[in-house]
Structures are given as C-alpha cells and as structure tokens.
C-alpha cells in the first residue's frame, strides 16, 4: 500500500473507533513496522488531524472526541464487498437484523457517485458467496429481536425445545452467534438470571417488553 493510501486508511481506522488503539495493533493491521506507524501518526498530526495518545491499559492513539471528519467515501470495490456480504448474510438467514442491514447497504450504495454505483453493480454481479442456508425464522421474531438488541430492551419469548415441548421466558439478549447451519440467541432470564441459548428458527413468537427499572 502506498503511503498516501495508508495515511488515508489510517485516518479512517482511527475514525472508526474513538477509543485508543496501539501502534503495535496498527502496525499489524497495515503490515508495516511500528516505527512506520509512528511516522504516519506524525504526518497526520502535521496535516492538522487532532490525534491524542491515551496512556495505560486500553489506551493508544485516538481522535479527539470533538473532531468530525468529512463523510465517508467508499470505493466501488469496498462498497461492492459490503453489499455482497450483506446480501449473503440475509440470503443465508444467518443474521436476524435484516432491516438494519438493508438500510445500511442502501446508505453504502447512496454514498457512491453514478459511475461508482455502476462499478459496484459490475463487481457485485461477479462476486458471490455460497453456503447452506440456516433454517428460516419468522419475520416478526426477527424484527422484535432487532429492536430489543439495539434498544437494550427485554423480550417475551415463546420457543420450541429440542424435544418438541413449548417454553416461555422473559429475557434480555446477551449474545448473537451465527453458525453455518443456525443462529443462536443467548439470553438471560430476567427473573432467575439463568443464561440460555435458543435457536433462532425455534422461536415461534417474540414480543418486546419494557420492564420497570
């Protein structure tokens, strides 16, 4: 990667995470020496990019929190890869956050110029991921999980156990694990505190509930 391109990518990487990232981590990401990263950091500072160094565990280089960079500019190949990956995750039924993903992909496409969008279509038509789709899940369940996950709310869930019996619980979502053949939703029961992983395709109904603090 040429230095000019690396400096731009370095600024984007720092914008993508406002907490600290070490010079070692940046060197590994960009395949250069730590000394090169130090020089690049100084070059960004010379260009008036307000970087600060955060000491201690979890520290590193970060952008000043009050600093706002210009809008993100995707190249056609970057946008194509993101759109195709999003399309693949939706088609394979791996991700429950379908609506959010679709909106994000629309924004990626809209960030391109007309020529860039045409180039995206050419790349996307020639790039494909294949696999065995996970078992289908109910759209209403996906939407409820999506809302609860991003809003930090609880869910009232009805699901089928492995033996075919029905179970119900009110729980908060903790983790989403997307495997090749299924998606697992790990939740914590609000009454017992017991953690349980449920298959997304076995959840028959899910309703967002707003619990009192």
C-alpha atoms as a PDB file:
ATOM      1  CA  UNK A   1       0.000   0.000   0.000  1.00  0.00           C
ATOM      2  CA  UNK A   2       1.366   3.413  -0.931  1.00  0.00           C
ATOM      3  CA  UNK A   3       1.958   5.820   1.912  1.00  0.00           C
ATOM      4  CA  UNK A   4      -0.730   8.277   0.796  1.00  0.00           C
ATOM      5  CA  UNK A   5      -3.315   5.498   0.692  1.00  0.00           C
ATOM      6  CA  UNK A   6      -2.094   4.147   4.043  1.00  0.00           C
ATOM      7  CA  UNK A   7      -2.391   7.558   5.694  1.00  0.00           C
ATOM      8  CA  UNK A   8      -5.970   7.867   4.470  1.00  0.00           C
ATOM      9  CA  UNK A   9      -6.762   4.325   5.634  1.00  0.00           C
ATOM     10  CA  UNK A  10      -5.113   5.028   8.977  1.00  0.00           C
ATOM     11  CA  UNK A  11      -7.284   8.117   9.491  1.00  0.00           C
ATOM     12  CA  UNK A  12     -10.377   6.067   8.602  1.00  0.00           C
ATOM     13  CA  UNK A  13      -9.366   3.311  11.026  1.00  0.00           C
ATOM     14  CA  UNK A  14      -8.978   5.855  13.816  1.00  0.00           C
ATOM     15  CA  UNK A  15     -12.307   7.428  12.935  1.00  0.00           C
ATOM     16  CA  UNK A  16     -13.954   4.014  13.115  1.00  0.00           C
ATOM     17  CA  UNK A  17     -13.049   3.643  16.778  1.00  0.00           C
ATOM     18  CA  UNK A  18     -12.769   6.667  19.030  1.00  0.00           C
ATOM     19  CA  UNK A  19     -11.131   4.725  21.863  1.00  0.00           C
ATOM     20  CA  UNK A  20      -7.402   4.052  21.815  1.00  0.00           C
ATOM     21  CA  UNK A  21      -5.601   1.644  19.504  1.00  0.00           C
ATOM     22  CA  UNK A  22      -1.913   0.906  19.994  1.00  0.00           C
ATOM     23  CA  UNK A  23       0.883   1.400  17.470  1.00  0.00           C
ATOM     24  CA  UNK A  24       1.508  -2.370  17.577  1.00  0.00           C
ATOM     25  CA  UNK A  25      -2.112  -3.082  16.604  1.00  0.00           C
ATOM     26  CA  UNK A  26      -1.966  -0.548  13.785  1.00  0.00           C
ATOM     27  CA  UNK A  27       1.321  -1.987  12.530  1.00  0.00           C
ATOM     28  CA  UNK A  28      -0.171  -5.487  12.394  1.00  0.00           C
ATOM     29  CA  UNK A  29      -3.277  -4.247  10.619  1.00  0.00           C
ATOM     30  CA  UNK A  30      -1.367  -2.398   7.899  1.00  0.00           C
ATOM     31  CA  UNK A  31       1.571  -4.775   7.628  1.00  0.00           C
ATOM     32  CA  UNK A  32       4.249  -2.226   8.453  1.00  0.00           C
ATOM     33  CA  UNK A  33       6.694  -1.658  11.303  1.00  0.00           C
ATOM     34  CA  UNK A  34       5.794   0.182  14.479  1.00  0.00           C
ATOM     35  CA  UNK A  35       8.350   2.809  13.523  1.00  0.00           C
ATOM     36  CA  UNK A  36       6.469   3.411  10.264  1.00  0.00           C
ATOM     37  CA  UNK A  37       3.242   3.874  12.218  1.00  0.00           C
ATOM     38  CA  UNK A  38       4.935   6.479  14.421  1.00  0.00           C
ATOM     39  CA  UNK A  39       5.996   8.364  11.290  1.00  0.00           C
ATOM     40  CA  UNK A  40       2.477   8.125   9.857  1.00  0.00           C
ATOM     41  CA  UNK A  41       0.974   9.427  13.101  1.00  0.00           C
ATOM     42  CA  UNK A  42       3.288  12.427  12.962  1.00  0.00           C
ATOM     43  CA  UNK A  43       2.334  13.021   9.321  1.00  0.00           C
ATOM     44  CA  UNK A  44      -1.372  13.065  10.271  1.00  0.00           C
ATOM     45  CA  UNK A  45      -0.648  15.493  13.076  1.00  0.00           C
ATOM     46  CA  UNK A  46       1.248  17.711  10.627  1.00  0.00           C
ATOM     47  CA  UNK A  47      -1.889  17.653   8.475  1.00  0.00           C
ATOM     48  CA  UNK A  48      -3.887  19.025  11.435  1.00  0.00           C
ATOM     49  CA  UNK A  49      -5.631  15.753  12.286  1.00  0.00           C
ATOM     50  CA  UNK A  50      -6.123  16.064  16.073  1.00  0.00           C
ATOM     51  CA  UNK A  51      -4.725  12.827  17.477  1.00  0.00           C
ATOM     52  CA  UNK A  52      -4.096  12.158  21.124  1.00  0.00           C
ATOM     53  CA  UNK A  53      -2.244   9.375  22.920  1.00  0.00           C
ATOM     54  CA  UNK A  54      -4.120   7.660  25.760  1.00  0.00           C
ATOM     55  CA  UNK A  55      -1.784   6.030  28.329  1.00  0.00           C
ATOM     56  CA  UNK A  56      -2.424   2.874  30.322  1.00  0.00           C
ATOM     57  CA  UNK A  57      -4.385  -0.355  29.674  1.00  0.00           C
ATOM     58  CA  UNK A  58      -6.864   0.041  26.848  1.00  0.00           C
ATOM     59  CA  UNK A  59      -5.107   3.175  25.694  1.00  0.00           C
ATOM     60  CA  UNK A  60      -3.360   4.055  22.470  1.00  0.00           C
ATOM     61  CA  UNK A  61      -3.895   6.581  19.693  1.00  0.00           C
ATOM     62  CA  UNK A  62      -7.330   8.096  19.205  1.00  0.00           C
ATOM     63  CA  UNK A  63      -9.014  11.014  17.503  1.00  0.00           C
ATOM     64  CA  UNK A  64     -10.075  13.950  19.621  1.00  0.00           C
ATOM     65  CA  UNK A  65     -13.719  13.339  20.530  1.00  0.00           C
ATOM     66  CA  UNK A  66     -14.779  16.784  19.339  1.00  0.00           C
ATOM     67  CA  UNK A  67     -13.267  16.230  15.900  1.00  0.00           C
ATOM     68  CA  UNK A  68     -15.547  15.431  12.964  1.00  0.00           C
ATOM     69  CA  UNK A  69     -14.129  14.064   9.727  1.00  0.00           C
ATOM     70  CA  UNK A  70     -15.797  14.581   6.336  1.00  0.00           C
ATOM     71  CA  UNK A  71     -18.365  11.979   5.224  1.00  0.00           C
ATOM     72  CA  UNK A  72     -17.011   8.502   4.488  1.00  0.00           C
ATOM     73  CA  UNK A  73     -16.105   7.893   0.860  1.00  0.00           C
ATOM     74  CA  UNK A  74     -16.333   4.267  -0.251  1.00  0.00           C
ATOM     75  CA  UNK A  75     -14.533   2.988  -3.316  1.00  0.00           C
ATOM     76  CA  UNK A  76     -16.698   0.841  -5.620  1.00  0.00           C
ATOM     77  CA  UNK A  77     -14.857  -2.321  -4.574  1.00  0.00           C
ATOM     78  CA  UNK A  78     -15.274  -1.539  -0.855  1.00  0.00           C
ATOM     79  CA  UNK A  79     -18.965  -0.855  -1.343  1.00  0.00           C
ATOM     80  CA  UNK A  80     -19.439  -3.946  -3.512  1.00  0.00           C
ATOM     81  CA  UNK A  81     -17.884  -6.221  -0.904  1.00  0.00           C
ATOM     82  CA  UNK A  82     -20.025  -4.783   1.886  1.00  0.00           C
ATOM     83  CA  UNK A  83     -23.217  -5.044  -0.177  1.00  0.00           C
ATOM     84  CA  UNK A  84     -22.500  -8.612  -1.305  1.00  0.00           C
ATOM     85  CA  UNK A  85     -21.647  -9.698   2.238  1.00  0.00           C
ATOM     86  CA  UNK A  86     -24.885  -8.144   3.452  1.00  0.00           C
ATOM     87  CA  UNK A  87     -26.834  -9.874   0.721  1.00  0.00           C
ATOM     88  CA  UNK A  88     -25.157 -13.176   1.608  1.00  0.00           C
ATOM     89  CA  UNK A  89     -25.942 -12.865   5.330  1.00  0.00           C
ATOM     90  CA  UNK A  90     -29.590 -12.145   4.506  1.00  0.00           C
ATOM     91  CA  UNK A  91     -29.904 -14.971   1.976  1.00  0.00           C
ATOM     92  CA  UNK A  92     -28.257 -17.482   4.302  1.00  0.00           C
ATOM     93  CA  UNK A  93     -30.690 -16.409   7.038  1.00  0.00           C
ATOM     94  CA  UNK A  94     -27.785 -16.039   9.441  1.00  0.00           C
ATOM     95  CA  UNK A  95     -28.428 -12.555  10.733  1.00  0.00           C
ATOM     96  CA  UNK A  96     -31.653 -11.521  12.496  1.00  0.00           C
ATOM     97  CA  UNK A  97     -31.009  -7.816  11.897  1.00  0.00           C
ATOM     98  CA  UNK A  98     -32.308  -7.820   8.325  1.00  0.00           C
ATOM     99  CA  UNK A  99     -33.966  -4.389   8.307  1.00  0.00           C
ATOM    100  CA  UNK A 100     -30.950  -2.605   9.811  1.00  0.00           C
ATOM    101  CA  UNK A 101     -28.618  -4.385   7.388  1.00  0.00           C
ATOM    102  CA  UNK A 102     -30.749  -3.419   4.376  1.00  0.00           C
ATOM    103  CA  UNK A 103     -30.780   0.237   5.461  1.00  0.00           C
ATOM    104  CA  UNK A 104     -27.003   0.189   5.936  1.00  0.00           C
ATOM    105  CA  UNK A 105     -26.437  -1.297   2.469  1.00  0.00           C
ATOM    106  CA  UNK A 106     -28.691   1.374   0.943  1.00  0.00           C
ATOM    107  CA  UNK A 107     -26.544   4.060   2.580  1.00  0.00           C
ATOM    108  CA  UNK A 108     -23.373   2.443   1.262  1.00  0.00           C
ATOM    109  CA  UNK A 109     -24.775   2.483  -2.278  1.00  0.00           C
ATOM    110  CA  UNK A 110     -26.056   6.052  -1.983  1.00  0.00           C
ATOM    111  CA  UNK A 111     -22.594   7.272  -0.898  1.00  0.00           C
ATOM    112  CA  UNK A 112     -21.232   6.471  -4.367  1.00  0.00           C
ATOM    113  CA  UNK A 113     -21.332   8.616  -7.473  1.00  0.00           C
ATOM    114  CA  UNK A 114     -23.295   7.441 -10.510  1.00  0.00           C
ATOM    115  CA  UNK A 115     -20.147   5.972 -12.035  1.00  0.00           C
ATOM    116  CA  UNK A 116     -19.295   4.366  -8.701  1.00  0.00           C
ATOM    117  CA  UNK A 117     -22.725   2.751  -8.469  1.00  0.00           C
ATOM    118  CA  UNK A 118     -22.334   1.300 -11.951  1.00  0.00           C
ATOM    119  CA  UNK A 119     -18.932  -0.095 -10.983  1.00  0.00           C
ATOM    120  CA  UNK A 120     -20.469  -1.524  -7.802  1.00  0.00           C
ATOM    121  CA  UNK A 121     -23.089  -3.397  -9.840  1.00  0.00           C
ATOM    122  CA  UNK A 122     -20.395  -4.881 -12.064  1.00  0.00           C
ATOM    123  CA  UNK A 123     -18.344  -6.051  -9.068  1.00  0.00           C
ATOM    124  CA  UNK A 124     -21.394  -7.326  -7.187  1.00  0.00           C
ATOM    125  CA  UNK A 125     -22.635  -9.346 -10.177  1.00  0.00           C
ATOM    126  CA  UNK A 126     -19.297 -11.165 -10.391  1.00  0.00           C
ATOM    127  CA  UNK A 127     -18.821 -11.757  -6.652  1.00  0.00           C
ATOM    128  CA  UNK A 128     -20.839 -14.416  -4.886  1.00  0.00           C
ATOM    129  CA  UNK A 129     -20.756 -16.359  -1.637  1.00  0.00           C
ATOM    130  CA  UNK A 130     -22.484 -19.706  -1.340  1.00  0.00           C
ATOM    131  CA  UNK A 131     -23.428 -21.950   1.535  1.00  0.00           C
ATOM    132  CA  UNK A 132     -26.258 -23.905   3.106  1.00  0.00           C
ATOM    133  CA  UNK A 133     -28.943 -21.524   4.404  1.00  0.00           C
ATOM    134  CA  UNK A 134     -29.871 -21.710   8.054  1.00  0.00           C
ATOM    135  CA  UNK A 135     -33.398 -22.803   8.924  1.00  0.00           C
ATOM    136  CA  UNK A 136     -35.925 -19.992   8.306  1.00  0.00           C
ATOM    137  CA  UNK A 137     -37.142 -17.757  11.113  1.00  0.00           C
ATOM    138  CA  UNK A 138     -40.318 -15.714  11.431  1.00  0.00           C
ATOM    139  CA  UNK A 139     -40.089 -12.076  10.222  1.00  0.00           C
ATOM    140  CA  UNK A 140     -41.949 -10.818  13.305  1.00  0.00           C
ATOM    141  CA  UNK A 141     -39.469 -12.607  15.557  1.00  0.00           C
ATOM    142  CA  UNK A 142     -36.514 -11.083  13.702  1.00  0.00           C
ATOM    143  CA  UNK A 143     -37.968  -7.588  13.993  1.00  0.00           C
ATOM    144  CA  UNK A 144     -38.608  -7.982  17.736  1.00  0.00           C
ATOM    145  CA  UNK A 145     -35.074  -9.310  18.312  1.00  0.00           C
ATOM    146  CA  UNK A 146     -33.647  -6.464  16.253  1.00  0.00           C
ATOM    147  CA  UNK A 147     -35.493  -3.832  18.290  1.00  0.00           C
ATOM    148  CA  UNK A 148     -34.660  -5.440  21.641  1.00  0.00           C
ATOM    149  CA  UNK A 149     -30.983  -5.879  20.751  1.00  0.00           C
ATOM    150  CA  UNK A 150     -30.322  -2.317  19.649  1.00  0.00           C
ATOM    151  CA  UNK A 151     -32.608  -0.625  22.197  1.00  0.00           C
ATOM    152  CA  UNK A 152     -31.457  -2.735  25.158  1.00  0.00           C
ATOM    153  CA  UNK A 153     -34.981  -3.991  25.882  1.00  0.00           C
ATOM    154  CA  UNK A 154     -36.301  -7.325  27.128  1.00  0.00           C
ATOM    155  CA  UNK A 155     -38.240  -9.900  25.121  1.00  0.00           C
ATOM    156  CA  UNK A 156     -41.146 -12.163  25.961  1.00  0.00           C
ATOM    157  CA  UNK A 157     -40.252 -15.321  24.019  1.00  0.00           C
ATOM    158  CA  UNK A 158     -42.141 -18.471  23.084  1.00  0.00           C
ATOM    159  CA  UNK A 159     -39.974 -21.255  21.712  1.00  0.00           C
ATOM    160  CA  UNK A 160     -39.836 -24.964  20.885  1.00  0.00           C
ATOM    161  CA  UNK A 161     -37.421 -27.103  22.853  1.00  0.00           C
ATOM    162  CA  UNK A 162     -35.408 -29.903  21.234  1.00  0.00           C
ATOM    163  CA  UNK A 163     -37.974 -32.471  22.454  1.00  0.00           C
ATOM    164  CA  UNK A 164     -40.816 -30.524  20.851  1.00  0.00           C
ATOM    165  CA  UNK A 165     -42.263 -29.101  24.073  1.00  0.00           C
ATOM    166  CA  UNK A 166     -43.041 -25.406  24.365  1.00  0.00           C
ATOM    167  CA  UNK A 167     -41.190 -22.977  26.587  1.00  0.00           C
ATOM    168  CA  UNK A 168     -41.734 -19.349  27.522  1.00  0.00           C
ATOM    169  CA  UNK A 169     -39.484 -16.823  29.181  1.00  0.00           C
ATOM    170  CA  UNK A 170     -38.908 -13.108  29.538  1.00  0.00           C
ATOM    171  CA  UNK A 171     -35.264 -12.369  28.952  1.00  0.00           C
ATOM    172  CA  UNK A 172     -32.672  -9.847  27.905  1.00  0.00           C
ATOM    173  CA  UNK A 173     -30.459 -10.561  24.919  1.00  0.00           C
ATOM    174  CA  UNK A 174     -26.782 -11.057  25.649  1.00  0.00           C
ATOM    175  CA  UNK A 175     -25.142 -12.509  22.547  1.00  0.00           C
ATOM    176  CA  UNK A 176     -25.899 -13.478  18.949  1.00  0.00           C
ATOM    177  CA  UNK A 177     -23.859 -16.344  17.485  1.00  0.00           C
ATOM    178  CA  UNK A 178     -24.162 -17.009  13.745  1.00  0.00           C
ATOM    179  CA  UNK A 179     -23.025 -20.503  12.801  1.00  0.00           C
ATOM    180  CA  UNK A 180     -23.130 -22.181   9.402  1.00  0.00           C
ATOM    181  CA  UNK A 181     -26.409 -24.003   9.965  1.00  0.00           C
ATOM    182  CA  UNK A 182     -28.131 -21.933  12.642  1.00  0.00           C
ATOM    183  CA  UNK A 183     -28.204 -18.689  14.573  1.00  0.00           C
ATOM    184  CA  UNK A 184     -28.139 -18.890  18.364  1.00  0.00           C
ATOM    185  CA  UNK A 185     -29.614 -16.185  20.567  1.00  0.00           C
ATOM    186  CA  UNK A 186     -28.154 -16.178  24.086  1.00  0.00           C
ATOM    187  CA  UNK A 187     -30.445 -14.544  26.620  1.00  0.00           C
ATOM    188  CA  UNK A 188     -30.639 -14.080  30.379  1.00  0.00           C
ATOM    189  CA  UNK A 189     -33.936 -14.744  32.152  1.00  0.00           C
ATOM    190  CA  UNK A 190     -34.994 -11.561  33.953  1.00  0.00           C
ATOM    191  CA  UNK A 191     -36.457 -13.483  36.922  1.00  0.00           C
ATOM    192  CA  UNK A 192     -33.923 -16.252  37.530  1.00  0.00           C
ATOM    193  CA  UNK A 193     -30.776 -14.812  35.940  1.00  0.00           C
ATOM    194  CA  UNK A 194     -30.262 -18.131  34.140  1.00  0.00           C
ATOM    195  CA  UNK A 195     -28.462 -17.864  30.805  1.00  0.00           C
ATOM    196  CA  UNK A 196     -29.818 -19.906  27.902  1.00  0.00           C
ATOM    197  CA  UNK A 197     -29.062 -20.169  24.182  1.00  0.00           C
ATOM    198  CA  UNK A 198     -32.033 -20.546  21.841  1.00  0.00           C
ATOM    199  CA  UNK A 199     -32.049 -21.386  18.151  1.00  0.00           C
ATOM    200  CA  UNK A 200     -33.497 -18.502  16.175  1.00  0.00           C
ATOM    201  CA  UNK A 201     -35.559 -20.842  13.980  1.00  0.00           C
ATOM    202  CA  UNK A 202     -37.186 -22.423  17.049  1.00  0.00           C
ATOM    203  CA  UNK A 203     -38.518 -19.143  18.415  1.00  0.00           C
ATOM    204  CA  UNK A 204     -42.207 -19.059  17.480  1.00  0.00           C
ATOM    205  CA  UNK A 205     -43.022 -15.628  18.894  1.00  0.00           C
ATOM    206  CA  UNK A 206     -41.150 -12.704  20.421  1.00  0.00           C
ATOM    207  CA  UNK A 207     -42.560  -9.512  21.866  1.00  0.00           C
ATOM    208  CA  UNK A 208     -40.596  -6.514  23.105  1.00  0.00           C
ATOM    209  CA  UNK A 209     -41.424  -5.622  26.701  1.00  0.00           C
ATOM    210  CA  UNK A 210     -40.427  -2.516  28.625  1.00  0.00           C
ATOM    211  CA  UNK A 211     -39.682  -3.551  32.164  1.00  0.00           C
ATOM    212  CA  UNK A 212     -39.743  -1.154  35.065  1.00  0.00           C
ATOM    213  CA  UNK A 213     -36.277  -0.362  36.472  1.00  0.00           C
END
